[in-house]
Amino acid sequence: MEHGHQNGDLATRRFRIWVVGRLDRRFSGGLAGIQQEDVPEGTLLSGTALDQSHLHGTLDLLRNLGIDVLRFEVDPPPTDQVS
């Protein structure tokens, strides 16, 4: 993900991470801005990332805790619409 500026603000992007198993409900409480939802495959973590380091930090935390990631998605950057 690239850093982007729109009207002077850092562009943020939505992400979704599917992990194996059910995580304790308190897990995402310690991760600012990340929501947690039980899904048939395990647990879905979603939120908004400010930059790549935020995404990598979240993925590193999961890896360090031994949590297997099934799938990871980041929304494409918004397109500038000129009127």
N, C-alpha and C. Protein backbone atom coordinates (compact mmCIF):
# COMPACT_ATOMS: atom_id res chain seq x y z
N MET A 1 0.85 -1.16 0.00
CA MET A 1 0.00 0.00 0.00
C MET A 1 0.90 1.22 0.00
N GLU A 2 0.51 2.22 -0.71
CA GLU A 2 1.29 3.44 -0.80
C GLU A 2 0.69 4.49 0.11
N HIS A 3 1.54 5.43 0.49
CA HIS A 3 1.04 6.59 1.20
C HIS A 3 0.39 7.49 0.16
N GLY A 4 -0.78 7.99 0.44
CA GLY A 4 -1.44 8.87 -0.50
C GLY A 4 -1.96 10.09 0.22
N HIS A 5 -1.98 11.16 -0.45
CA HIS A 5 -2.51 12.38 0.15
C HIS A 5 -3.68 12.86 -0.69
N GLN A 6 -4.76 13.14 -0.01
CA GLN A 6 -5.93 13.70 -0.67
C GLN A 6 -6.38 14.86 0.19
N ASN A 7 -6.41 16.03 -0.38
CA ASN A 7 -6.79 17.23 0.37
C ASN A 7 -5.96 17.37 1.63
N GLY A 8 -4.67 17.00 1.56
CA GLY A 8 -3.77 17.14 2.68
C GLY A 8 -3.87 16.04 3.72
N ASP A 9 -4.79 15.08 3.57
CA ASP A 9 -4.95 14.00 4.54
C ASP A 9 -4.30 12.72 4.00
N LEU A 10 -3.81 11.90 4.94
CA LEU A 10 -3.26 10.61 4.57
C LEU A 10 -4.41 9.71 4.16
N ALA A 11 -4.32 9.10 2.99
CA ALA A 11 -5.38 8.19 2.52
C ALA A 11 -5.35 6.93 3.37
N THR A 12 -6.51 6.47 3.80
CA THR A 12 -6.61 5.23 4.55
C THR A 12 -7.33 4.19 3.70
N ARG A 13 -7.05 2.93 4.01
CA ARG A 13 -7.65 1.84 3.23
C ARG A 13 -8.19 0.79 4.19
N ARG A 14 -9.31 0.20 3.81
CA ARG A 14 -9.92 -0.88 4.58
C ARG A 14 -9.19 -2.19 4.30
N PHE A 15 -9.05 -3.00 5.32
CA PHE A 15 -8.45 -4.32 5.15
C PHE A 15 -9.28 -5.37 5.88
N ARG A 16 -9.12 -6.61 5.44
CA ARG A 16 -9.78 -7.75 6.04
C ARG A 16 -8.76 -8.89 6.13
N ILE A 17 -8.71 -9.52 7.30
CA ILE A 17 -7.81 -10.65 7.52
C ILE A 17 -8.64 -11.79 8.09
N TRP A 18 -8.68 -12.92 7.38
CA TRP A 18 -9.36 -14.11 7.86
C TRP A 18 -8.32 -15.01 8.51
N VAL A 19 -8.59 -15.46 9.74
CA VAL A 19 -7.64 -16.33 10.45
C VAL A 19 -8.32 -17.63 10.84
N VAL A 20 -7.50 -18.65 11.07
CA VAL A 20 -7.98 -19.97 11.48
C VAL A 20 -8.40 -19.90 12.95
N GLY A 21 -9.55 -20.48 13.24
CA GLY A 21 -10.01 -20.60 14.62
C GLY A 21 -10.73 -19.36 15.12
N ARG A 22 -11.34 -19.54 16.28
CA ARG A 22 -12.06 -18.46 16.93
C ARG A 22 -11.14 -17.76 17.92
N LEU A 23 -11.00 -16.47 17.77
CA LEU A 23 -10.18 -15.70 18.70
C LEU A 23 -11.06 -15.24 19.86
N ASP A 24 -10.47 -15.16 21.02
CA ASP A 24 -11.16 -14.63 22.18
C ASP A 24 -11.65 -13.22 21.87
N ARG A 25 -12.84 -12.89 22.33
CA ARG A 25 -13.44 -11.57 22.05
C ARG A 25 -12.54 -10.43 22.53
N ARG A 26 -11.73 -10.67 23.52
CA ARG A 26 -10.84 -9.62 24.05
C ARG A 26 -9.66 -9.34 23.14
N PHE A 27 -9.40 -10.24 22.17
CA PHE A 27 -8.23 -10.09 21.31
C PHE A 27 -8.22 -8.74 20.60
N SER A 28 -9.30 -8.42 19.89
CA SER A 28 -9.31 -7.18 19.11
C SER A 28 -9.46 -5.95 19.99
N GLY A 29 -9.86 -6.13 21.24
CA GLY A 29 -9.96 -4.99 22.16
C GLY A 29 -8.62 -4.30 22.35
N GLY A 30 -7.53 -5.05 22.24
CA GLY A 30 -6.20 -4.47 22.38
C GLY A 30 -5.63 -3.92 21.09
N LEU A 31 -6.38 -4.04 20.00
CA LEU A 31 -5.92 -3.55 18.70
C LEU A 31 -6.81 -2.39 18.27
N ALA A 32 -6.30 -1.21 18.38
CA ALA A 32 -7.09 0.00 18.09
C ALA A 32 -7.68 -0.03 16.69
N GLY A 33 -8.99 0.14 16.61
CA GLY A 33 -9.66 0.28 15.33
C GLY A 33 -9.88 -1.01 14.56
N ILE A 34 -9.63 -2.16 15.17
CA ILE A 34 -9.83 -3.43 14.46
C ILE A 34 -11.07 -4.12 15.03
N GLN A 35 -11.99 -4.48 14.13
CA GLN A 35 -13.19 -5.19 14.52
C GLN A 35 -12.97 -6.69 14.31
N GLN A 36 -13.74 -7.47 15.05
CA GLN A 36 -13.60 -8.92 15.01
C GLN A 36 -14.98 -9.54 14.83
N GLU A 37 -15.06 -10.54 13.96
CA GLU A 37 -16.33 -11.22 13.70
C GLU A 37 -16.07 -12.71 13.49
N ASP A 38 -16.89 -13.54 14.13
CA ASP A 38 -16.80 -14.98 13.90
C ASP A 38 -17.42 -15.29 12.54
N VAL A 39 -16.72 -16.08 11.73
CA VAL A 39 -17.20 -16.52 10.42
C VAL A 39 -17.00 -18.03 10.35
N PRO A 40 -17.66 -18.72 9.40
CA PRO A 40 -17.53 -20.18 9.34
C PRO A 40 -16.09 -20.68 9.28
N GLU A 41 -15.21 -19.95 8.60
CA GLU A 41 -13.82 -20.39 8.45
C GLU A 41 -12.98 -20.14 9.69
N GLY A 42 -13.44 -19.27 10.59
CA GLY A 42 -12.64 -18.91 11.76
C GLY A 42 -13.05 -17.54 12.27
N THR A 43 -12.14 -16.57 12.14
CA THR A 43 -12.40 -15.21 12.61
C THR A 43 -12.00 -14.22 11.53
N LEU A 44 -12.80 -13.19 11.35
CA LEU A 44 -12.50 -12.11 10.42
C LEU A 44 -12.12 -10.88 11.22
N LEU A 45 -10.94 -10.35 10.95
CA LEU A 45 -10.49 -9.09 11.53
C LEU A 45 -10.55 -8.05 10.43
N SER A 46 -11.10 -6.89 10.73
CA SER A 46 -11.19 -5.84 9.71
C SER A 46 -10.96 -4.49 10.36
N GLY A 47 -10.51 -3.57 9.54
CA GLY A 47 -10.26 -2.23 10.05
C GLY A 47 -9.73 -1.33 8.96
N THR A 48 -9.20 -0.21 9.37
CA THR A 48 -8.64 0.77 8.46
C THR A 48 -7.16 0.96 8.80
N ALA A 49 -6.33 0.87 7.78
CA ALA A 49 -4.88 1.03 7.97
C ALA A 49 -4.44 2.38 7.43
N LEU A 50 -3.57 3.02 8.15
CA LEU A 50 -3.04 4.30 7.71
C LEU A 50 -1.91 4.14 6.71
N ASP A 51 -1.14 3.05 6.86
CA ASP A 51 0.00 2.83 5.97
C ASP A 51 0.43 1.37 6.05
N GLN A 52 1.45 1.04 5.29
CA GLN A 52 1.93 -0.35 5.24
C GLN A 52 2.46 -0.83 6.58
N SER A 53 3.11 0.05 7.33
CA SER A 53 3.68 -0.39 8.61
C SER A 53 2.58 -0.83 9.56
N HIS A 54 1.43 -0.19 9.52
CA HIS A 54 0.30 -0.60 10.36
C HIS A 54 -0.17 -1.99 9.95
N LEU A 55 -0.30 -2.24 8.65
CA LEU A 55 -0.70 -3.56 8.17
C LEU A 55 0.32 -4.63 8.54
N HIS A 56 1.58 -4.34 8.31
CA HIS A 56 2.64 -5.31 8.61
C HIS A 56 2.71 -5.58 10.11
N GLY A 57 2.50 -4.56 10.92
CA GLY A 57 2.50 -4.74 12.37
C GLY A 57 1.40 -5.69 12.81
N THR A 58 0.22 -5.54 12.22
CA THR A 58 -0.90 -6.42 12.55
C THR A 58 -0.61 -7.86 12.12
N LEU A 59 -0.09 -8.03 10.90
CA LEU A 59 0.25 -9.37 10.42
C LEU A 59 1.39 -9.98 11.24
N ASP A 60 2.38 -9.17 11.63
CA ASP A 60 3.48 -9.67 12.46
C ASP A 60 2.96 -10.14 13.82
N LEU A 61 2.02 -9.40 14.40
CA LEU A 61 1.45 -9.79 15.67
C LEU A 61 0.77 -11.15 15.56
N LEU A 62 -0.03 -11.33 14.51
CA LEU A 62 -0.70 -12.61 14.30
C LEU A 62 0.32 -13.75 14.16
N ARG A 63 1.36 -13.51 13.37
CA ARG A 63 2.39 -14.53 13.18
C ARG A 63 3.09 -14.85 14.50
N ASN A 64 3.46 -13.82 15.26
CA ASN A 64 4.16 -14.03 16.53
C ASN A 64 3.31 -14.78 17.55
N LEU A 65 1.99 -14.65 17.44
CA LEU A 65 1.08 -15.36 18.34
C LEU A 65 0.73 -16.76 17.82
N GLY A 66 1.27 -17.11 16.64
CA GLY A 66 1.02 -18.43 16.07
C GLY A 66 -0.37 -18.58 15.46
N ILE A 67 -0.97 -17.46 15.07
CA ILE A 67 -2.31 -17.48 14.47
C ILE A 67 -2.15 -17.56 12.95
N ASP A 68 -2.73 -18.60 12.35
CA ASP A 68 -2.61 -18.82 10.91
C ASP A 68 -3.58 -17.92 10.14
N VAL A 69 -3.05 -17.20 9.16
CA VAL A 69 -3.86 -16.34 8.30
C VAL A 69 -4.31 -17.16 7.09
N LEU A 70 -5.63 -17.16 6.87
CA LEU A 70 -6.19 -17.85 5.70
C LEU A 70 -6.19 -16.97 4.47
N ARG A 71 -6.53 -15.71 4.67
CA ARG A 71 -6.69 -14.78 3.55
C ARG A 71 -6.52 -13.36 4.05
N PHE A 72 -6.03 -12.50 3.15
CA PHE A 72 -5.79 -11.10 3.50
C PHE A 72 -6.17 -10.24 2.31
N GLU A 73 -6.96 -9.20 2.53
CA GLU A 73 -7.37 -8.30 1.45
C GLU A 73 -7.23 -6.86 1.89
N VAL A 74 -6.84 -6.01 0.95
CA VAL A 74 -6.81 -4.57 1.17
C VAL A 74 -7.58 -3.94 0.02
N ASP A 75 -8.49 -3.03 0.35
CA ASP A 75 -9.24 -2.33 -0.71
C ASP A 75 -8.28 -1.52 -1.57
N PRO A 76 -8.58 -1.39 -2.85
CA PRO A 76 -7.73 -0.57 -3.71
C PRO A 76 -7.81 0.89 -3.28
N PRO A 77 -6.78 1.66 -3.63
CA PRO A 77 -6.81 3.08 -3.25
C PRO A 77 -7.98 3.78 -3.96
N PRO A 78 -8.54 4.77 -3.28
CA PRO A 78 -9.63 5.51 -3.92
C PRO A 78 -9.12 6.25 -5.14
N THR A 79 -9.96 6.37 -6.13
CA THR A 79 -9.58 7.11 -7.33
C THR A 79 -10.04 8.54 -7.18
N ASP A 80 -9.24 9.45 -7.65
CA ASP A 80 -9.63 10.86 -7.64
C ASP A 80 -10.67 11.07 -8.72
N GLN A 81 -11.79 11.63 -8.34
CA GLN A 81 -12.84 11.91 -9.31
C GLN A 81 -12.87 13.40 -9.57
N VAL A 82 -12.60 13.76 -10.79
CA VAL A 82 -12.59 15.16 -11.16
C VAL A 82 -13.94 15.50 -11.78
N SER A 83 -14.56 16.56 -11.27
CA SER A 83 -15.88 16.94 -11.81
C SER A 83 -15.73 17.90 -12.95
